[in-house]
Amino acid sequence: MNSVVLSVGSNVGYEEVKSALGWLSHELEEYQASTLYRTPALHGVGSPYVNAVVIGKISETCDEFNNHLKEYELANGRDAAARAAGVVPIDIDIVMVDDDVVRPRDYSHSFFQIGYTQLVKK
């Protein structure tokens, strides 16, 4: 069983992130989530994001779990048309697996660090 740390975000609104957190609470064992918080869009272009960070454990492989995440995103509006319009209904990325950072760029940004700091200080 692997532990994962996820970045969850949307530039549409709180409800999309809340729904994703509800879904993830059933998909992960030992689920923990940060509070929801806003950050500006990267590079200052586009709508602000609502973000959260989630920690949990998965029984499937990381690739299988990541495919599951991308299916959720697609089912919730993250398609080619949304991408072309700069709309991010929901974005869920695996940033850490066990203690390894697998997305260093995401790890370094405030949209991840704010929530991650909340969880590791618990």
PDB file of N, CA and C in Angstrom:
ATOM      1  N   MET A   1       0.853  -1.183   0.000  1.00  0.00           N
ATOM      2  CA  MET A   1       0.000   0.000   0.000  1.00  0.00           C
ATOM      3  C   MET A   1       0.892   1.237   0.000  1.00  0.00           C
ATOM      4  N   ASN A   2       0.612   2.150  -0.915  1.00  0.00           N
ATOM      5  CA  ASN A   2       1.381   3.391  -1.018  1.00  0.00           C
ATOM      6  C   ASN A   2       0.625   4.543  -0.372  1.00  0.00           C
ATOM      7  N   SER A   3       1.382   5.469   0.219  1.00  0.00           N
ATOM      8  CA  SER A   3       0.762   6.713   0.656  1.00  0.00           C
ATOM      9  C   SER A   3       0.945   7.731  -0.462  1.00  0.00           C
ATOM     10  N   VAL A   4      -0.062   8.557  -0.655  1.00  0.00           N
ATOM     11  CA  VAL A   4      -0.026   9.575  -1.701  1.00  0.00           C
ATOM     12  C   VAL A   4      -0.420  10.917  -1.105  1.00  0.00           C
ATOM     13  N   VAL A   5       0.129  11.972  -1.704  1.00  0.00           N
ATOM     14  CA  VAL A   5      -0.268  13.336  -1.372  1.00  0.00           C
ATOM     15  C   VAL A   5      -0.737  13.955  -2.674  1.00  0.00           C
ATOM     16  N   LEU A   6      -1.961  14.459  -2.666  1.00  0.00           N
ATOM     17  CA  LEU A   6      -2.610  14.967  -3.871  1.00  0.00           C
ATOM     18  C   LEU A   6      -2.830  16.466  -3.786  1.00  0.00           C
ATOM     19  N   SER A   7      -2.713  17.114  -4.926  1.00  0.00           N
ATOM     20  CA  SER A   7      -3.086  18.505  -5.075  1.00  0.00           C
ATOM     21  C   SER A   7      -4.435  18.520  -5.785  1.00  0.00           C
ATOM     22  N   VAL A   8      -5.390  19.246  -5.222  1.00  0.00           N
ATOM     23  CA  VAL A   8      -6.735  19.334  -5.798  1.00  0.00           C
ATOM     24  C   VAL A   8      -7.035  20.806  -6.038  1.00  0.00           C
ATOM     25  N   GLY A   9      -7.501  21.145  -7.248  1.00  0.00           N
ATOM     26  CA  GLY A   9      -7.789  22.545  -7.526  1.00  0.00           C
ATOM     27  C   GLY A   9      -8.838  22.734  -8.604  1.00  0.00           C
ATOM     28  N   SER A  10      -9.414  23.922  -8.614  1.00  0.00           N
ATOM     29  CA  SER A  10     -10.412  24.294  -9.607  1.00  0.00           C
ATOM     30  C   SER A  10     -10.412  25.808  -9.751  1.00  0.00           C
ATOM     31  N   ASN A  11     -10.543  26.291 -10.994  1.00  0.00           N
ATOM     32  CA  ASN A  11     -10.718  27.738 -11.166  1.00  0.00           C
ATOM     33  C   ASN A  11     -12.182  28.056 -11.470  1.00  0.00           C
ATOM     34  N   VAL A  12     -13.062  27.104 -11.131  1.00  0.00           N
ATOM     35  CA  VAL A  12     -14.501  27.296 -11.295  1.00  0.00           C
ATOM     36  C   VAL A  12     -15.134  27.653  -9.946  1.00  0.00           C
ATOM     37  N   GLY A  13     -14.790  26.926  -8.875  1.00  0.00           N
ATOM     38  CA  GLY A  13     -15.355  27.271  -7.584  1.00  0.00           C
ATOM     39  C   GLY A  13     -15.176  26.229  -6.505  1.00  0.00           C
ATOM     40  N   TYR A  14     -15.707  26.563  -5.337  1.00  0.00           N
ATOM     41  CA  TYR A  14     -15.590  25.712  -4.153  1.00  0.00           C
ATOM     42  C   TYR A  14     -16.310  24.382  -4.318  1.00  0.00           C
ATOM     43  N   GLU A  15     -17.489  24.388  -4.911  1.00  0.00           N
ATOM     44  CA  GLU A  15     -18.286  23.162  -4.973  1.00  0.00           C
ATOM     45  C   GLU A  15     -17.565  22.035  -5.700  1.00  0.00           C
ATOM     46  N   GLU A  16     -16.823  22.374  -6.748  1.00  0.00           N
ATOM     47  CA  GLU A  16     -16.099  21.360  -7.500  1.00  0.00           C
ATOM     48  C   GLU A  16     -15.026  20.703  -6.639  1.00  0.00           C
ATOM     49  N   VAL A  17     -14.335  21.502  -5.853  1.00  0.00           N
ATOM     50  CA  VAL A  17     -13.296  20.950  -4.975  1.00  0.00           C
ATOM     51  C   VAL A  17     -13.943  20.165  -3.837  1.00  0.00           C
ATOM     52  N   LYS A  18     -15.016  20.693  -3.259  1.00  0.00           N
ATOM     53  CA  LYS A  18     -15.722  19.961  -2.197  1.00  0.00           C
ATOM     54  C   LYS A  18     -16.203  18.602  -2.693  1.00  0.00           C
ATOM     55  N   SER A  19     -16.757  18.559  -3.892  1.00  0.00           N
ATOM     56  CA  SER A  19     -17.232  17.290  -4.456  1.00  0.00           C
ATOM     57  C   SER A  19     -16.073  16.314  -4.650  1.00  0.00           C
ATOM     58  N   ALA A  20     -14.957  16.824  -5.151  1.00  0.00           N
ATOM     59  CA  ALA A  20     -13.790  15.964  -5.350  1.00  0.00           C
ATOM     60  C   ALA A  20     -13.273  15.428  -4.015  1.00  0.00           C
ATOM     61  N   LEU A  21     -13.275  16.260  -2.985  1.00  0.00           N
ATOM     62  CA  LEU A  21     -12.831  15.802  -1.670  1.00  0.00           C
ATOM     63  C   LEU A  21     -13.764  14.721  -1.134  1.00  0.00           C
ATOM     64  N   GLY A  22     -15.054  14.890  -1.350  1.00  0.00           N
ATOM     65  CA  GLY A  22     -16.005  13.860  -0.932  1.00  0.00           C
ATOM     66  C   GLY A  22     -15.742  12.544  -1.644  1.00  0.00           C
ATOM     67  N   TRP A  23     -15.502  12.608  -2.940  1.00  0.00           N
ATOM     68  CA  TRP A  23     -15.201  11.411  -3.719  1.00  0.00           C
ATOM     69  C   TRP A  23     -13.906  10.767  -3.234  1.00  0.00           C
ATOM     70  N   LEU A  24     -12.862  11.591  -3.039  1.00  0.00           N
ATOM     71  CA  LEU A  24     -11.568  11.057  -2.589  1.00  0.00           C
ATOM     72  C   LEU A  24     -11.659  10.422  -1.201  1.00  0.00           C
ATOM     73  N   SER A  25     -12.541  10.938  -0.362  1.00  0.00           N
ATOM     74  CA  SER A  25     -12.671  10.372   0.989  1.00  0.00           C
ATOM     75  C   SER A  25     -13.120   8.917   0.942  1.00  0.00           C
ATOM     76  N   HIS A  26     -13.751   8.518  -0.159  1.00  0.00           N
ATOM     77  CA  HIS A  26     -14.177   7.124  -0.329  1.00  0.00           C
ATOM     78  C   HIS A  26     -13.151   6.300  -1.104  1.00  0.00           C
ATOM     79  N   GLU A  27     -12.249   6.963  -1.795  1.00  0.00           N
ATOM     80  CA  GLU A  27     -11.256   6.282  -2.624  1.00  0.00           C
ATOM     81  C   GLU A  27      -9.956   5.986  -1.875  1.00  0.00           C
ATOM     82  N   LEU A  28      -9.697   6.730  -0.823  1.00  0.00           N
ATOM     83  CA  LEU A  28      -8.440   6.619  -0.087  1.00  0.00           C
ATOM     84  C   LEU A  28      -8.665   6.067   1.309  1.00  0.00           C
ATOM     85  N   GLU A  29      -7.718   5.282   1.763  1.00  0.00           N
ATOM     86  CA  GLU A  29      -7.712   4.877   3.162  1.00  0.00           C
ATOM     87  C   GLU A  29      -6.917   5.924   3.933  1.00  0.00           C
ATOM     88  N   GLU A  30      -7.229   6.087   5.209  1.00  0.00           N
ATOM     89  CA  GLU A  30      -6.554   7.052   6.076  1.00  0.00           C
ATOM     90  C   GLU A  30      -6.575   8.466   5.476  1.00  0.00           C
ATOM     91  N   TYR A  31      -7.718   8.821   4.897  1.00  0.00           N
ATOM     92  CA  TYR A  31      -7.928  10.107   4.220  1.00  0.00           C
ATOM     93  C   TYR A  31      -7.796  11.282   5.183  1.00  0.00           C
ATOM     94  N   GLN A  32      -7.041  12.297   4.774  1.00  0.00           N
ATOM     95  CA  GLN A  32      -6.957  13.574   5.477  1.00  0.00           C
ATOM     96  C   GLN A  32      -6.959  14.674   4.429  1.00  0.00           C
ATOM     97  N   ALA A  33      -7.629  15.777   4.713  1.00  0.00           N
ATOM     98  CA  ALA A  33      -7.659  16.893   3.767  1.00  0.00           C
ATOM     99  C   ALA A  33      -7.392  18.203   4.491  1.00  0.00           C
ATOM    100  N   SER A  34      -6.741  19.102   3.787  1.00  0.00           N
ATOM    101  CA  SER A  34      -6.537  20.453   4.298  1.00  0.00           C
ATOM    102  C   SER A  34      -7.856  21.219   4.196  1.00  0.00           C
ATOM    103  N   THR A  35      -7.835  22.436   4.681  1.00  0.00           N
ATOM    104  CA  THR A  35      -8.957  23.331   4.431  1.00  0.00           C
ATOM    105  C   THR A  35      -8.934  23.729   2.954  1.00  0.00           C
ATOM    106  N   LEU A  36     -10.004  24.334   2.478  1.00  0.00           N
ATOM    107  CA  LEU A  36     -10.028  24.896   1.133  1.00  0.00           C
ATOM    108  C   LEU A  36      -9.505  26.325   1.213  1.00  0.00           C
ATOM    109  N   TYR A  37      -8.729  26.726   0.220  1.00  0.00           N
ATOM    110  CA  TYR A  37      -8.143  28.059   0.211  1.00  0.00           C
ATOM    111  C   TYR A  37      -7.964  28.518  -1.230  1.00  0.00           C
ATOM    112  N   ARG A  38      -7.873  29.817  -1.415  1.00  0.00           N
ATOM    113  CA  ARG A  38      -7.719  30.405  -2.756  1.00  0.00           C
ATOM    114  C   ARG A  38      -6.272  30.797  -3.006  1.00  0.00           C
ATOM    115  N   THR A  39      -5.855  30.605  -4.259  1.00  0.00           N
ATOM    116  CA  THR A  39      -4.556  31.108  -4.712  1.00  0.00           C
ATOM    117  C   THR A  39      -4.745  31.704  -6.102  1.00  0.00           C
ATOM    118  N   PRO A  40      -3.910  32.677  -6.453  1.00  0.00           N
ATOM    119  CA  PRO A  40      -4.015  33.234  -7.809  1.00  0.00           C
ATOM    120  C   PRO A  40      -3.576  32.204  -8.846  1.00  0.00           C
ATOM    121  N   ALA A  41      -4.047  32.385 -10.061  1.00  0.00           N
ATOM    122  CA  ALA A  41      -3.604  31.524 -11.158  1.00  0.00           C
ATOM    123  C   ALA A  41      -2.104  31.694 -11.340  1.00  0.00           C
ATOM    124  N   LEU A  42      -1.438  30.621 -11.730  1.00  0.00           N
ATOM    125  CA  LEU A  42       0.002  30.710 -11.992  1.00  0.00           C
ATOM    126  C   LEU A  42       0.251  31.746 -13.073  1.00  0.00           C
ATOM    127  N   HIS A  43       1.309  32.461 -12.946  1.00  0.00           N
ATOM    128  CA  HIS A  43       1.713  33.485 -13.904  1.00  0.00           C
ATOM    129  C   HIS A  43       0.714  34.640 -13.981  1.00  0.00           C
ATOM    130  N   GLY A  44      -0.236  34.712 -13.025  1.00  0.00           N
ATOM    131  CA  GLY A  44      -1.162  35.826 -12.966  1.00  0.00           C
ATOM    132  C   GLY A  44      -2.194  35.883 -14.068  1.00  0.00           C
ATOM    133  N   VAL A  45      -2.347  34.802 -14.833  1.00  0.00           N
ATOM    134  CA  VAL A  45      -3.292  34.784 -15.952  1.00  0.00           C
ATOM    135  C   VAL A  45      -4.438  33.833 -15.620  1.00  0.00           C
ATOM    136  N   GLY A  46      -5.670  34.312 -15.719  1.00  0.00           N
ATOM    137  CA  GLY A  46      -6.832  33.462 -15.486  1.00  0.00           C
ATOM    138  C   GLY A  46      -7.445  33.679 -14.115  1.00  0.00           C
ATOM    139  N   SER A  47      -8.505  32.939 -13.889  1.00  0.00           N
ATOM    140  CA  SER A  47      -9.251  33.039 -12.631  1.00  0.00           C
ATOM    141  C   SER A  47      -8.458  32.443 -11.473  1.00  0.00           C
ATOM    142  N   PRO A  48      -8.688  32.955 -10.251  1.00  0.00           N
ATOM    143  CA  PRO A  48      -8.051  32.351  -9.080  1.00  0.00           C
ATOM    144  C   PRO A  48      -8.539  30.912  -8.899  1.00  0.00           C
ATOM    145  N   TYR A  49      -7.772  30.148  -8.164  1.00  0.00           N
ATOM    146  CA  TYR A  49      -8.096  28.743  -7.908  1.00  0.00           C
ATOM    147  C   TYR A  49      -8.550  28.531  -6.475  1.00  0.00           C
ATOM    148  N   VAL A  50      -9.430  27.567  -6.297  1.00  0.00           N
ATOM    149  CA  VAL A  50      -9.736  27.014  -4.983  1.00  0.00           C
ATOM    150  C   VAL A  50      -8.916  25.735  -4.906  1.00  0.00           C
ATOM    151  N   ASN A  51      -8.189  25.569  -3.805  1.00  0.00           N
ATOM    152  CA  ASN A  51      -7.268  24.444  -3.671  1.00  0.00           C
ATOM    153  C   ASN A  51      -7.475  23.694  -2.375  1.00  0.00           C
ATOM    154  N   ALA A  52      -6.952  22.469  -2.365  1.00  0.00           N
ATOM    155  CA  ALA A  52      -6.841  21.660  -1.154  1.00  0.00           C
ATOM    156  C   ALA A  52      -5.741  20.644  -1.397  1.00  0.00           C
ATOM    157  N   VAL A  53      -5.218  20.103  -0.316  1.00  0.00           N
ATOM    158  CA  VAL A  53      -4.248  19.014  -0.389  1.00  0.00           C
ATOM    159  C   VAL A  53      -4.831  17.847   0.395  1.00  0.00           C
ATOM    160  N   VAL A  54      -4.643  16.649  -0.150  1.00  0.00           N
ATOM    161  CA  VAL A  54      -5.184  15.430   0.443  1.00  0.00           C
ATOM    162  C   VAL A  54      -4.057  14.433   0.639  1.00  0.00           C
ATOM    163  N   ILE A  55      -4.084  13.762   1.777  1.00  0.00           N
ATOM    164  CA  ILE A  55      -3.149  12.670   2.063  1.00  0.00           C
ATOM    165  C   ILE A  55      -3.978  11.414   2.288  1.00  0.00           C
ATOM    166  N   GLY A  56      -3.499  10.287   1.770  1.00  0.00           N
ATOM    167  CA  GLY A  56      -4.181   9.022   1.998  1.00  0.00           C
ATOM    168  C   GLY A  56      -3.342   7.859   1.506  1.00  0.00           C
ATOM    169  N   LYS A  57      -3.921   6.689   1.602  1.00  0.00           N
ATOM    170  CA  LYS A  57      -3.246   5.466   1.157  1.00  0.00           C
ATOM    171  C   LYS A  57      -4.087   4.804   0.070  1.00  0.00           C
ATOM    172  N   ILE A  58      -3.372   4.203  -0.895  1.00  0.00           N
ATOM    173  CA  ILE A  58      -4.042   3.515  -1.997  1.00  0.00           C
ATOM    174  C   ILE A  58      -3.598   2.059  -2.024  1.00  0.00           C
ATOM    175  N   SER A  59      -4.515   1.182  -2.428  1.00  0.00           N
ATOM    176  CA  SER A  59      -4.184  -0.237  -2.544  1.00  0.00           C
ATOM    177  C   SER A  59      -3.794  -0.604  -3.972  1.00  0.00           C
ATOM    178  N   GLU A  60      -4.186   0.226  -4.944  1.00  0.00           N
ATOM    179  CA  GLU A  60      -3.822  -0.039  -6.333  1.00  0.00           C
ATOM    180  C   GLU A  60      -2.470   0.591  -6.650  1.00  0.00           C
ATOM    181  N   THR A  61      -1.946   0.327  -7.838  1.00  0.00           N
ATOM    182  CA  THR A  61      -0.682   0.956  -8.218  1.00  0.00           C
ATOM    183  C   THR A  61      -0.907   2.448  -8.436  1.00  0.00           C
ATOM    184  N   CYS A  62       0.167   3.210  -8.410  1.00  0.00           N
ATOM    185  CA  CYS A  62       0.055   4.656  -8.631  1.00  0.00           C
ATOM    186  C   CYS A  62      -0.471   4.954 -10.030  1.00  0.00           C
ATOM    187  N   ASP A  63      -0.034   4.179 -11.029  1.00  0.00           N
ATOM    188  CA  ASP A  63      -0.534   4.383 -12.394  1.00  0.00           C
ATOM    189  C   ASP A  63      -2.029   4.112 -12.477  1.00  0.00           C
ATOM    190  N   GLU A  64      -2.481   3.041 -11.835  1.00  0.00           N
ATOM    191  CA  GLU A  64      -3.918   2.731 -11.841  1.00  0.00           C
ATOM    192  C   GLU A  64      -4.706   3.836 -11.136  1.00  0.00           C
ATOM    193  N   PHE A  65      -4.199   4.281  -9.998  1.00  0.00           N
ATOM    194  CA  PHE A  65      -4.883   5.334  -9.256  1.00  0.00           C
ATOM    195  C   PHE A  65      -4.903   6.634 -10.055  1.00  0.00           C
ATOM    196  N   ASN A  66      -3.787   6.971 -10.700  1.00  0.00           N
ATOM    197  CA  ASN A  66      -3.739   8.184 -11.513  1.00  0.00           C
ATOM    198  C   ASN A  66      -4.750   8.110 -12.656  1.00  0.00           C
ATOM    199  N   ASN A  67      -4.876   6.950 -13.292  1.00  0.00           N
ATOM    200  CA  ASN A  67      -5.894   6.784 -14.344  1.00  0.00           C
ATOM    201  C   ASN A  67      -7.290   7.015 -13.785  1.00  0.00           C
ATOM    202  N   HIS A  68      -7.525   6.531 -12.590  1.00  0.00           N
ATOM    203  CA  HIS A  68      -8.806   6.717 -11.901  1.00  0.00           C
ATOM    204  C   HIS A  68      -9.069   8.216 -11.679  1.00  0.00           C
ATOM    205  N   LEU A  69      -8.025   8.949 -11.268  1.00  0.00           N
ATOM    206  CA  LEU A  69      -8.154  10.395 -11.056  1.00  0.00           C
ATOM    207  C   LEU A  69      -8.512  11.108 -12.356  1.00  0.00           C
ATOM    208  N   LYS A  70      -7.840  10.736 -13.445  1.00  0.00           N
ATOM    209  CA  LYS A  70      -8.079  11.390 -14.738  1.00  0.00           C
ATOM    210  C   LYS A  70      -9.481  11.069 -15.258  1.00  0.00           C
ATOM    211  N   GLU A  71      -9.980   9.869 -14.987  1.00  0.00           N
ATOM    212  CA  GLU A  71     -11.363   9.529 -15.350  1.00  0.00           C
ATOM    213  C   GLU A  71     -12.342  10.413 -14.581  1.00  0.00           C
ATOM    214  N   TYR A  72     -12.063  10.644 -13.292  1.00  0.00           N
ATOM    215  CA  TYR A  72     -12.916  11.524 -12.489  1.00  0.00           C
ATOM    216  C   TYR A  72     -12.907  12.936 -13.071  1.00  0.00           C
ATOM    217  N   GLU A  73     -11.719  13.441 -13.401  1.00  0.00           N
ATOM    218  CA  GLU A  73     -11.623  14.780 -13.976  1.00  0.00           C
ATOM    219  C   GLU A  73     -12.448  14.894 -15.253  1.00  0.00           C
ATOM    220  N   LEU A  74     -12.300  13.922 -16.142  1.00  0.00           N
ATOM    221  CA  LEU A  74     -13.029  13.939 -17.409  1.00  0.00           C
ATOM    222  C   LEU A  74     -14.539  13.887 -17.183  1.00  0.00           C
ATOM    223  N   ALA A  75     -14.966  13.036 -16.262  1.00  0.00           N
ATOM    224  CA  ALA A  75     -16.395  12.907 -15.960  1.00  0.00           C
ATOM    225  C   ALA A  75     -16.962  14.181 -15.344  1.00  0.00           C
ATOM    226  N   ASN A  76     -16.072  15.027 -14.820  1.00  0.00           N
ATOM    227  CA  ASN A  76     -16.510  16.262 -14.168  1.00  0.00           C
ATOM    228  C   ASN A  76     -16.112  17.507 -14.941  1.00  0.00           C
ATOM    229  N   GLY A  77     -15.979  17.362 -16.267  1.00  0.00           N
ATOM    230  CA  GLY A  77     -15.844  18.516 -17.135  1.00  0.00           C
ATOM    231  C   GLY A  77     -14.454  18.898 -17.582  1.00  0.00           C
ATOM    232  N   ARG A  78     -13.441  18.155 -17.177  1.00  0.00           N
ATOM    233  CA  ARG A  78     -12.065  18.503 -17.583  1.00  0.00           C
ATOM    234  C   ARG A  78     -11.767  17.866 -18.939  1.00  0.00           C
ATOM    235  N   ASP A  79     -12.317  18.453 -19.977  1.00  0.00           N
ATOM    236  CA  ASP A  79     -12.162  17.909 -21.325  1.00  0.00           C
ATOM    237  C   ASP A  79     -11.418  18.900 -22.213  1.00  0.00           C
ATOM    238  N   ALA A  80     -11.273  18.547 -23.479  1.00  0.00           N
ATOM    239  CA  ALA A  80     -10.508  19.387 -24.419  1.00  0.00           C
ATOM    240  C   ALA A  80     -11.107  20.782 -24.557  1.00  0.00           C
ATOM    241  N   ALA A  81     -12.433  20.876 -24.576  1.00  0.00           N
ATOM    242  CA  ALA A  81     -13.079  22.185 -24.716  1.00  0.00           C
ATOM    243  C   ALA A  81     -12.776  23.066 -23.503  1.00  0.00           C
ATOM    244  N   ALA A  82     -12.828  22.487 -22.312  1.00  0.00           N
ATOM    245  CA  ALA A  82     -12.525  23.249 -21.103  1.00  0.00           C
ATOM    246  C   ALA A  82     -11.062  23.694 -21.108  1.00  0.00           C
ATOM    247  N   ARG A  83     -10.179  22.798 -21.503  1.00  0.00           N
ATOM    248  CA  ARG A  83      -8.749  23.143 -21.560  1.00  0.00           C
ATOM    249  C   ARG A  83      -8.509  24.305 -22.527  1.00  0.00           C
ATOM    250  N   ALA A  84      -9.150  24.229 -23.685  1.00  0.00           N
ATOM    251  CA  ALA A  84      -8.976  25.278 -24.699  1.00  0.00           C
ATOM    252  C   ALA A  84      -9.471  26.632 -24.185  1.00  0.00           C
ATOM    253  N   ALA A  85     -10.495  26.618 -23.339  1.00  0.00           N
ATOM    254  CA  ALA A  85     -11.065  27.847 -22.798  1.00  0.00           C
ATOM    255  C   ALA A  85     -10.353  28.317 -21.524  1.00  0.00           C
ATOM    256  N   GLY A  86      -9.389  27.535 -21.042  1.00  0.00           N
ATOM    257  CA  GLY A  86      -8.692  27.894 -19.811  1.00  0.00           C
ATOM    258  C   GLY A  86      -9.503  27.636 -18.558  1.00  0.00           C
ATOM    259  N   VAL A  87     -10.523  26.794 -18.686  1.00  0.00           N
ATOM    260  CA  VAL A  87     -11.391  26.458 -17.555  1.00  0.00           C
ATOM    261  C   VAL A  87     -10.917  25.138 -16.960  1.00  0.00           C
ATOM    262  N   VAL A  88     -10.733  25.130 -15.651  1.00  0.00           N
ATOM    263  CA  VAL A  88     -10.295  23.919 -14.956  1.00  0.00           C
ATOM    264  C   VAL A  88     -11.368  23.557 -13.929  1.00  0.00           C
ATOM    265  N   PRO A  89     -12.378  22.756 -14.359  1.00  0.00           N
ATOM    266  CA  PRO A  89     -13.432  22.384 -13.420  1.00  0.00           C
ATOM    267  C   PRO A  89     -12.870  21.634 -12.213  1.00  0.00           C
ATOM    268  N   ILE A  90     -11.910  20.731 -12.464  1.00  0.00           N
ATOM    269  CA  ILE A  90     -11.247  20.016 -11.375  1.00  0.00           C
ATOM    270  C   ILE A  90      -9.917  19.471 -11.888  1.00  0.00           C
ATOM    271  N   ASP A  91      -8.912  19.578 -11.055  1.00  0.00           N
ATOM    272  CA  ASP A  91      -7.581  19.059 -11.367  1.00  0.00           C
ATOM    273  C   ASP A  91      -7.081  18.349 -10.121  1.00  0.00           C
ATOM    274  N   ILE A  92      -6.746  17.074 -10.270  1.00  0.00           N
ATOM    275  CA  ILE A  92      -6.230  16.291  -9.148  1.00  0.00           C
ATOM    276  C   ILE A  92      -4.935  15.638  -9.609  1.00  0.00           C
ATOM    277  N   ASP A  93      -3.856  15.963  -8.927  1.00  0.00           N
ATOM    278  CA  ASP A  93      -2.551  15.421  -9.299  1.00  0.00           C
ATOM    279  C   ASP A  93      -1.877  14.778  -8.102  1.00  0.00           C
ATOM    280  N   ILE A  94      -1.192  13.672  -8.367  1.00  0.00           N
ATOM    281  CA  ILE A  94      -0.361  13.024  -7.360  1.00  0.00           C
ATOM    282  C   ILE A  94       0.954  13.803  -7.312  1.00  0.00           C
ATOM    283  N   VAL A  95       1.240  14.404  -6.175  1.00  0.00           N
ATOM    284  CA  VAL A  95       2.459  15.204  -6.023  1.00  0.00           C
ATOM    285  C   VAL A  95       3.550  14.404  -5.305  1.00  0.00           C
ATOM    286  N   MET A  96       3.130  13.544  -4.370  1.00  0.00           N
ATOM    287  CA  MET A  96       4.088  12.721  -3.627  1.00  0.00           C
ATOM    288  C   MET A  96       3.585  11.294  -3.528  1.00  0.00           C
ATOM    289  N   VAL A  97       4.511  10.363  -3.619  1.00  0.00           N
ATOM    290  CA  VAL A  97       4.226   8.946  -3.391  1.00  0.00           C
ATOM    291  C   VAL A  97       5.185   8.486  -2.307  1.00  0.00           C
ATOM    292  N   ASP A  98       4.635   7.948  -1.231  1.00  0.00           N
ATOM    293  CA  ASP A  98       5.406   7.644  -0.033  1.00  0.00           C
ATOM    294  C   ASP A  98       6.140   8.935   0.346  1.00  0.00           C
ATOM    295  N   ASP A  99       7.421   8.978   0.405  1.00  0.00           N
ATOM    296  CA  ASP A  99       8.088  10.240   0.746  1.00  0.00           C
ATOM    297  C   ASP A  99       8.781  10.869  -0.449  1.00  0.00           C
ATOM    298  N   ASP A 100       8.502  10.365  -1.645  1.00  0.00           N
ATOM    299  CA  ASP A 100       9.155  10.880  -2.850  1.00  0.00           C
ATOM    300  C   ASP A 100       8.281  11.918  -3.547  1.00  0.00           C
ATOM    301  N   VAL A 101       8.869  13.039  -3.902  1.00  0.00           N
ATOM    302  CA  VAL A 101       8.176  14.079  -4.662  1.00  0.00           C
ATOM    303  C   VAL A 101       8.218  13.664  -6.135  1.00  0.00           C
ATOM    304  N   VAL A 102       7.044  13.452  -6.737  1.00  0.00           N
ATOM    305  CA  VAL A 102       6.971  13.026  -8.139  1.00  0.00           C
ATOM    306  C   VAL A 102       6.583  14.169  -9.076  1.00  0.00           C
ATOM    307  N   ARG A 103       6.157  15.290  -8.508  1.00  0.00           N
ATOM    308  CA  ARG A 103       5.862  16.511  -9.289  1.00  0.00           C
ATOM    309  C   ARG A 103       6.530  17.689  -8.594  1.00  0.00           C
ATOM    310  N   PRO A 104       7.847  17.844  -8.813  1.00  0.00           N
ATOM    311  CA  PRO A 104       8.582  18.894  -8.095  1.00  0.00           C
ATOM    312  C   PRO A 104       8.061  20.303  -8.342  1.00  0.00           C
ATOM    313  N   ARG A 105       7.610  20.600  -9.555  1.00  0.00           N
ATOM    314  CA  ARG A 105       7.082  21.955  -9.812  1.00  0.00           C
ATOM    315  C   ARG A 105       5.859  22.232  -8.957  1.00  0.00           C
ATOM    316  N   ASP A 106       4.924  21.278  -8.922  1.00  0.00           N
ATOM    317  CA  ASP A 106       3.731  21.457  -8.089  1.00  0.00           C
ATOM    318  C   ASP A 106       4.116  21.564  -6.617  1.00  0.00           C
ATOM    319  N   TYR A 107       5.038  20.715  -6.183  1.00  0.00           N
ATOM    320  CA  TYR A 107       5.463  20.700  -4.784  1.00  0.00           C
ATOM    321  C   TYR A 107       5.971  22.071  -4.339  1.00  0.00           C
ATOM    322  N   SER A 108       6.633  22.781  -5.225  1.00  0.00           N
ATOM    323  CA  SER A 108       7.250  24.052  -4.856  1.00  0.00           C
ATOM    324  C   SER A 108       6.280  25.236  -4.833  1.00  0.00           C
ATOM    325  N   HIS A 109       5.103  25.089  -5.429  1.00  0.00           N
ATOM    326  CA  HIS A 109       4.171  26.227  -5.529  1.00  0.00           C
ATOM    327  C   HIS A 109       3.298  26.375  -4.285  1.00  0.00           C
ATOM    328  N   SER A 110       2.855  27.612  -4.055  1.00  0.00           N
ATOM    329  CA  SER A 110       2.008  27.889  -2.885  1.00  0.00           C
ATOM    330  C   SER A 110       0.694  27.130  -2.941  1.00  0.00           C
ATOM    331  N   PHE A 111       0.154  26.877  -4.146  1.00  0.00           N
ATOM    332  CA  PHE A 111      -1.125  26.160  -4.213  1.00  0.00           C
ATOM    333  C   PHE A 111      -1.037  24.777  -3.583  1.00  0.00           C
ATOM    334  N   PHE A 112       0.164  24.223  -3.498  1.00  0.00           N
ATOM    335  CA  PHE A 112       0.370  22.936  -2.818  1.00  0.00           C
ATOM    336  C   PHE A 112       0.878  23.150  -1.397  1.00  0.00           C
ATOM    337  N   GLN A 113       1.862  23.995  -1.222  1.00  0.00           N
ATOM    338  CA  GLN A 113       2.525  24.143   0.073  1.00  0.00           C
ATOM    339  C   GLN A 113       1.599  24.628   1.185  1.00  0.00           C
ATOM    340  N   ILE A 114       0.633  25.478   0.862  1.00  0.00           N
ATOM    341  CA  ILE A 114      -0.291  25.969   1.898  1.00  0.00           C
ATOM    342  C   ILE A 114      -1.029  24.803   2.548  1.00  0.00           C
ATOM    343  N   GLY A 115      -1.645  23.962   1.743  1.00  0.00           N
ATOM    344  CA  GLY A 115      -2.393  22.825   2.283  1.00  0.00           C
ATOM    345  C   GLY A 115      -1.502  21.747   2.860  1.00  0.00           C
ATOM    346  N   TYR A 116      -0.381  21.492   2.214  1.00  0.00           N
ATOM    347  CA  TYR A 116       0.545  20.464   2.699  1.00  0.00           C
ATOM    348  C   TYR A 116       1.072  20.834   4.082  1.00  0.00           C
ATOM    349  N   THR A 117       1.405  22.092   4.270  1.00  0.00           N
ATOM    350  CA  THR A 117       1.893  22.566   5.563  1.00  0.00           C
ATOM    351  C   THR A 117       0.835  22.363   6.641  1.00  0.00           C
ATOM    352  N   GLN A 118      -0.434  22.622   6.318  1.00  0.00           N
ATOM    353  CA  GLN A 118      -1.518  22.390   7.278  1.00  0.00           C
ATOM    354  C   GLN A 118      -1.532  20.930   7.734  1.00  0.00           C
ATOM    355  N   LEU A 119      -1.375  20.015   6.790  1.00  0.00           N
ATOM    356  CA  LEU A 119      -1.499  18.596   7.105  1.00  0.00           C
ATOM    357  C   LEU A 119      -0.281  18.043   7.848  1.00  0.00           C
ATOM    358  N   VAL A 120       0.908  18.466   7.497  1.00  0.00           N
ATOM    359  CA  VAL A 120       2.085  17.914   8.155  1.00  0.00           C
ATOM    360  C   VAL A 120       2.298  18.497   9.548  1.00  0.00           C
ATOM    361  N   LYS A 121       1.636  19.616   9.850  1.00  0.00           N
ATOM    362  CA  LYS A 121       1.742  20.204  11.189  1.00  0.00           C
ATOM    363  C   LYS A 121       0.692  19.661  12.157  1.00  0.00           C
ATOM    364  N   LYS A 122      -0.216  18.817  11.647  1.00  0.00           N
ATOM    365  CA  LYS A 122      -1.280  18.259  12.525  1.00  0.00           C
ATOM    366  C   LYS A 122      -0.688  17.374  13.593  1.00  0.00           C
TER     367      LYS A 122
END
